[in-house]
N, C-alpha and C. Protein backbone atom coordinates (compact mmCIF):
# COMPACT_ATOMS: atom_id res chain seq x y z
N MET A 1 -223.18 -8.43 138.53
CA MET A 1 -224.38 -7.68 138.86
C MET A 1 -224.28 -7.08 140.26
N LYS A 2 -223.80 -7.86 141.22
CA LYS A 2 -223.75 -7.38 142.60
C LYS A 2 -222.91 -6.11 142.72
N LYS A 3 -221.74 -6.10 142.10
CA LYS A 3 -220.85 -4.95 142.26
C LYS A 3 -221.42 -3.69 141.61
N ASP A 4 -222.31 -3.84 140.65
CA ASP A 4 -222.87 -2.69 139.94
C ASP A 4 -224.34 -2.43 140.27
N ILE A 5 -224.82 -3.00 141.37
CA ILE A 5 -226.25 -2.89 141.67
C ILE A 5 -226.69 -1.43 141.79
N GLU A 6 -225.85 -0.57 142.33
CA GLU A 6 -226.23 0.84 142.46
C GLU A 6 -226.44 1.49 141.09
N GLN A 7 -225.64 1.09 140.12
CA GLN A 7 -225.80 1.66 138.77
C GLN A 7 -227.10 1.17 138.12
N PHE A 8 -227.49 -0.08 138.41
CA PHE A 8 -228.78 -0.56 137.91
C PHE A 8 -229.91 0.22 138.59
N THR A 9 -229.80 0.37 139.90
CA THR A 9 -230.82 1.08 140.68
C THR A 9 -230.96 2.53 140.22
N GLU A 10 -229.84 3.20 139.96
CA GLU A 10 -229.88 4.58 139.48
C GLU A 10 -230.67 4.70 138.18
N ARG A 11 -230.64 3.64 137.39
CA ARG A 11 -231.36 3.63 136.11
C ARG A 11 -232.77 3.07 136.27
N LYS A 12 -233.18 2.90 137.52
CA LYS A 12 -234.51 2.38 137.86
C LYS A 12 -234.74 0.98 137.31
N ALA A 13 -233.67 0.20 137.24
CA ALA A 13 -233.75 -1.19 136.77
C ALA A 13 -233.82 -2.12 137.97
N GLN A 14 -234.68 -3.10 137.88
CA GLN A 14 -234.81 -4.12 138.93
C GLN A 14 -234.12 -5.37 138.42
N VAL A 15 -233.12 -5.86 139.16
CA VAL A 15 -232.41 -7.08 138.79
C VAL A 15 -233.11 -8.25 139.46
N VAL A 16 -233.45 -9.26 138.65
CA VAL A 16 -234.08 -10.47 139.14
C VAL A 16 -233.31 -11.66 138.54
N VAL A 17 -232.93 -12.58 139.40
CA VAL A 17 -232.21 -13.77 138.95
C VAL A 17 -233.11 -14.98 139.16
N ILE A 18 -233.27 -15.76 138.11
CA ILE A 18 -234.04 -17.00 138.20
C ILE A 18 -233.02 -18.12 138.31
N ALA A 19 -233.07 -18.82 139.44
CA ALA A 19 -232.08 -19.85 139.74
C ALA A 19 -232.68 -21.25 139.57
N PRO A 20 -231.89 -22.18 139.00
CA PRO A 20 -232.40 -23.52 138.74
C PRO A 20 -232.31 -24.43 139.97
N HIS A 21 -232.70 -23.91 141.13
CA HIS A 21 -232.57 -24.67 142.37
C HIS A 21 -233.84 -24.54 143.21
N GLN A 22 -233.92 -25.37 144.24
CA GLN A 22 -235.03 -25.33 145.18
C GLN A 22 -234.97 -24.05 146.01
N LYS A 23 -236.10 -23.68 146.59
CA LYS A 23 -236.22 -22.45 147.37
C LYS A 23 -235.18 -22.37 148.50
N ALA A 24 -234.99 -23.44 149.26
CA ALA A 24 -234.07 -23.41 150.39
C ALA A 24 -232.63 -23.14 149.94
N LYS A 25 -232.23 -23.74 148.83
CA LYS A 25 -230.87 -23.54 148.33
C LYS A 25 -230.67 -22.10 147.85
N VAL A 26 -231.67 -21.56 147.17
CA VAL A 26 -231.59 -20.17 146.69
C VAL A 26 -231.52 -19.23 147.89
N LYS A 27 -232.37 -19.44 148.88
CA LYS A 27 -232.39 -18.60 150.08
C LYS A 27 -231.04 -18.64 150.79
N THR A 28 -230.51 -19.83 150.99
CA THR A 28 -229.21 -19.98 151.67
C THR A 28 -228.11 -19.26 150.90
N TYR A 29 -228.07 -19.44 149.58
CA TYR A 29 -227.03 -18.81 148.76
C TYR A 29 -227.16 -17.29 148.79
N TRP A 30 -228.37 -16.79 148.66
CA TRP A 30 -228.59 -15.33 148.65
C TRP A 30 -228.14 -14.72 149.98
N GLU A 31 -228.46 -15.40 151.06
CA GLU A 31 -228.06 -14.89 152.38
C GLU A 31 -226.54 -14.96 152.55
N LYS A 32 -225.94 -16.07 152.16
CA LYS A 32 -224.49 -16.25 152.30
C LYS A 32 -223.72 -15.21 151.51
N GLU A 33 -224.17 -14.94 150.28
CA GLU A 33 -223.49 -14.00 149.39
C GLU A 33 -223.98 -12.57 149.55
N ASN A 34 -225.00 -12.38 150.39
CA ASN A 34 -225.58 -11.06 150.63
C ASN A 34 -225.94 -10.37 149.31
N LEU A 35 -226.69 -11.07 148.50
CA LEU A 35 -227.04 -10.56 147.18
C LEU A 35 -228.15 -9.52 147.29
N PRO A 36 -227.96 -8.36 146.68
CA PRO A 36 -228.90 -7.24 146.82
C PRO A 36 -230.01 -7.21 145.77
N PHE A 37 -230.34 -8.37 145.20
CA PHE A 37 -231.41 -8.42 144.21
C PHE A 37 -232.24 -9.66 144.45
N ILE A 38 -233.32 -9.75 143.73
CA ILE A 38 -234.29 -10.83 143.92
C ILE A 38 -233.79 -12.13 143.29
N GLY A 39 -233.95 -13.21 144.02
CA GLY A 39 -233.66 -14.54 143.49
C GLY A 39 -234.94 -15.37 143.49
N ILE A 40 -235.28 -15.91 142.34
CA ILE A 40 -236.49 -16.71 142.22
C ILE A 40 -236.11 -18.16 141.92
N PRO A 41 -236.52 -19.10 142.79
CA PRO A 41 -236.22 -20.51 142.53
C PRO A 41 -237.05 -21.02 141.35
N ASP A 42 -236.41 -21.79 140.49
CA ASP A 42 -237.10 -22.39 139.33
C ASP A 42 -236.55 -23.81 139.10
N PRO A 43 -236.71 -24.68 140.11
CA PRO A 43 -236.09 -26.00 140.02
C PRO A 43 -236.60 -26.86 138.87
N ASP A 44 -237.82 -26.64 138.45
CA ASP A 44 -238.39 -27.44 137.35
C ASP A 44 -238.21 -26.78 135.99
N GLY A 45 -237.62 -25.60 135.97
CA GLY A 45 -237.35 -24.91 134.71
C GLY A 45 -238.57 -24.32 134.03
N ILE A 46 -239.63 -24.11 134.77
CA ILE A 46 -240.86 -23.58 134.18
C ILE A 46 -240.64 -22.19 133.60
N LEU A 47 -240.03 -21.30 134.37
CA LEU A 47 -239.77 -19.94 133.87
C LEU A 47 -238.74 -19.98 132.74
N GLY A 48 -237.72 -20.80 132.90
CA GLY A 48 -236.71 -20.94 131.86
C GLY A 48 -237.32 -21.37 130.53
N LYS A 49 -238.24 -22.31 130.59
CA LYS A 49 -238.90 -22.78 129.36
C LYS A 49 -239.75 -21.69 128.72
N LEU A 50 -240.42 -20.88 129.56
CA LEU A 50 -241.24 -19.78 129.03
C LEU A 50 -240.42 -18.81 128.19
N TYR A 51 -239.16 -18.63 128.58
CA TYR A 51 -238.29 -17.68 127.88
C TYR A 51 -237.32 -18.36 126.93
N GLY A 52 -237.48 -19.65 126.71
CA GLY A 52 -236.65 -20.35 125.73
C GLY A 52 -235.23 -20.61 126.18
N GLN A 53 -235.00 -20.71 127.48
CA GLN A 53 -233.66 -20.95 127.99
C GLN A 53 -233.23 -22.37 127.64
N GLU A 54 -232.00 -22.49 127.17
CA GLU A 54 -231.46 -23.78 126.74
C GLU A 54 -231.06 -24.63 127.94
N TRP A 55 -231.35 -25.92 127.83
CA TRP A 55 -230.93 -26.90 128.81
C TRP A 55 -229.96 -27.83 128.10
N ASN A 56 -228.75 -27.93 128.60
CA ASN A 56 -227.73 -28.73 127.94
C ASN A 56 -226.94 -29.51 128.98
N LEU A 57 -227.21 -30.81 129.08
CA LEU A 57 -226.54 -31.64 130.08
C LEU A 57 -225.04 -31.69 129.88
N ILE A 58 -224.60 -31.66 128.64
CA ILE A 58 -223.16 -31.70 128.36
C ILE A 58 -222.47 -30.47 128.94
N LYS A 59 -223.17 -29.34 128.93
CA LYS A 59 -222.60 -28.08 129.44
C LYS A 59 -223.03 -27.80 130.88
N MET A 60 -223.43 -28.83 131.60
CA MET A 60 -223.75 -28.74 133.03
C MET A 60 -225.10 -28.09 133.35
N GLY A 61 -226.08 -28.25 132.52
CA GLY A 61 -227.42 -27.76 132.87
C GLY A 61 -227.89 -26.59 132.06
N ARG A 62 -228.63 -25.70 132.71
CA ARG A 62 -229.20 -24.55 132.02
C ARG A 62 -228.12 -23.57 131.63
N MET A 63 -228.19 -23.11 130.42
CA MET A 63 -227.29 -22.07 129.94
C MET A 63 -227.84 -20.71 130.41
N PRO A 64 -226.96 -19.80 130.77
CA PRO A 64 -227.43 -18.48 131.18
C PRO A 64 -228.22 -17.78 130.07
N ALA A 65 -229.22 -17.08 130.48
CA ALA A 65 -229.99 -16.24 129.56
C ALA A 65 -230.24 -14.92 130.29
N LEU A 66 -230.21 -13.84 129.56
CA LEU A 66 -230.39 -12.52 130.17
C LEU A 66 -231.40 -11.73 129.36
N PHE A 67 -232.32 -11.10 130.06
CA PHE A 67 -233.36 -10.33 129.39
C PHE A 67 -233.48 -8.96 130.03
N ILE A 68 -233.76 -7.98 129.21
CA ILE A 68 -234.16 -6.67 129.71
C ILE A 68 -235.59 -6.48 129.25
N ILE A 69 -236.45 -6.27 130.24
CA ILE A 69 -237.88 -6.14 129.98
C ILE A 69 -238.29 -4.73 130.37
N ASP A 70 -238.95 -4.02 129.46
CA ASP A 70 -239.30 -2.64 129.76
C ASP A 70 -240.53 -2.55 130.67
N LYS A 71 -240.93 -1.35 131.00
CA LYS A 71 -242.04 -1.13 131.93
C LYS A 71 -243.37 -1.64 131.40
N LYS A 72 -243.45 -1.82 130.09
CA LYS A 72 -244.68 -2.34 129.49
C LYS A 72 -244.69 -3.86 129.43
N GLY A 73 -243.59 -4.49 129.89
CA GLY A 73 -243.50 -5.95 129.88
C GLY A 73 -242.97 -6.51 128.58
N ILE A 74 -242.39 -5.67 127.74
CA ILE A 74 -241.86 -6.10 126.45
C ILE A 74 -240.38 -6.41 126.59
N VAL A 75 -239.96 -7.57 126.10
CA VAL A 75 -238.55 -7.93 126.10
C VAL A 75 -237.85 -7.08 125.05
N VAL A 76 -236.97 -6.18 125.50
CA VAL A 76 -236.27 -5.29 124.58
C VAL A 76 -234.85 -5.78 124.29
N PHE A 77 -234.41 -6.77 125.06
CA PHE A 77 -233.09 -7.36 124.84
C PHE A 77 -233.12 -8.79 125.37
N ALA A 78 -232.59 -9.70 124.58
CA ALA A 78 -232.46 -11.10 125.01
C ALA A 78 -231.10 -11.61 124.57
N GLN A 79 -230.43 -12.27 125.48
CA GLN A 79 -229.13 -12.86 125.16
C GLN A 79 -229.11 -14.27 125.72
N TYR A 80 -228.97 -15.24 124.82
CA TYR A 80 -228.89 -16.65 125.20
C TYR A 80 -227.43 -17.08 125.12
N ALA A 81 -226.86 -17.44 126.27
CA ALA A 81 -225.44 -17.77 126.34
C ALA A 81 -225.13 -19.11 125.69
N ARG A 82 -223.91 -19.21 125.18
CA ARG A 82 -223.43 -20.47 124.61
C ARG A 82 -222.63 -21.27 125.62
N SER A 83 -222.23 -20.61 126.72
CA SER A 83 -221.51 -21.27 127.80
C SER A 83 -221.80 -20.52 129.09
N MET A 84 -221.33 -21.06 130.21
CA MET A 84 -221.55 -20.42 131.50
C MET A 84 -220.80 -19.08 131.60
N ALA A 85 -219.79 -18.89 130.79
CA ALA A 85 -219.00 -17.65 130.83
C ALA A 85 -219.49 -16.60 129.83
N ASP A 86 -220.46 -16.94 129.03
CA ASP A 86 -220.96 -16.06 127.98
C ASP A 86 -222.00 -15.09 128.54
N ILE A 87 -221.52 -14.12 129.29
CA ILE A 87 -222.39 -13.14 129.93
C ILE A 87 -221.98 -11.75 129.45
N PRO A 88 -222.93 -10.91 129.03
CA PRO A 88 -222.56 -9.57 128.55
C PRO A 88 -222.05 -8.69 129.69
N GLU A 89 -221.24 -7.73 129.33
CA GLU A 89 -220.72 -6.75 130.29
C GLU A 89 -221.85 -5.82 130.74
N ASN A 90 -221.82 -5.42 131.99
CA ASN A 90 -222.85 -4.53 132.52
C ASN A 90 -222.89 -3.20 131.78
N SER A 91 -221.74 -2.71 131.32
CA SER A 91 -221.72 -1.42 130.62
C SER A 91 -222.64 -1.45 129.39
N GLY A 92 -222.65 -2.55 128.68
CA GLY A 92 -223.54 -2.68 127.53
C GLY A 92 -225.00 -2.74 127.95
N LEU A 93 -225.26 -3.39 129.07
CA LEU A 93 -226.63 -3.47 129.58
C LEU A 93 -227.13 -2.09 129.99
N PHE A 94 -226.24 -1.29 130.59
CA PHE A 94 -226.63 0.06 130.99
C PHE A 94 -227.07 0.87 129.78
N GLN A 95 -226.36 0.73 128.68
CA GLN A 95 -226.72 1.47 127.46
C GLN A 95 -228.10 1.07 126.96
N ILE A 96 -228.39 -0.22 127.00
CA ILE A 96 -229.72 -0.69 126.57
C ILE A 96 -230.80 -0.17 127.50
N ILE A 97 -230.54 -0.24 128.80
CA ILE A 97 -231.52 0.26 129.77
C ILE A 97 -231.78 1.74 129.57
N GLU A 98 -230.74 2.51 129.36
CA GLU A 98 -230.90 3.95 129.16
C GLU A 98 -231.72 4.26 127.91
N ARG A 99 -231.61 3.46 126.89
CA ARG A 99 -232.40 3.68 125.67
C ARG A 99 -233.86 3.35 125.87
N THR A 100 -234.19 2.51 126.88
CA THR A 100 -235.57 2.09 127.08
C THR A 100 -236.31 2.92 128.12
N ILE A 101 -235.57 3.80 128.81
CA ILE A 101 -236.21 4.62 129.86
C ILE A 101 -237.09 5.67 129.22
């Protein structure tokens, strides 16, 4: 996401990451990595539960989930990962975003 943030911005997409950590840890990580998007701490998994994010202790915690939400607040794309590496390519996300503009 970081390397392609300009392409998301050009498409008027706002990238928001919900992190399963306390506020201080999220803040420290965002500053250290100089991340150009919003990070929201969710240590208790409240937001994750709202969106049906899987919690799997065997796989080291919360599984990644990715959503594209349109301007009306409708989820137009949802992807629930099966592993920490199961993340869609940004090029595919750009196509979905372009169809929803």
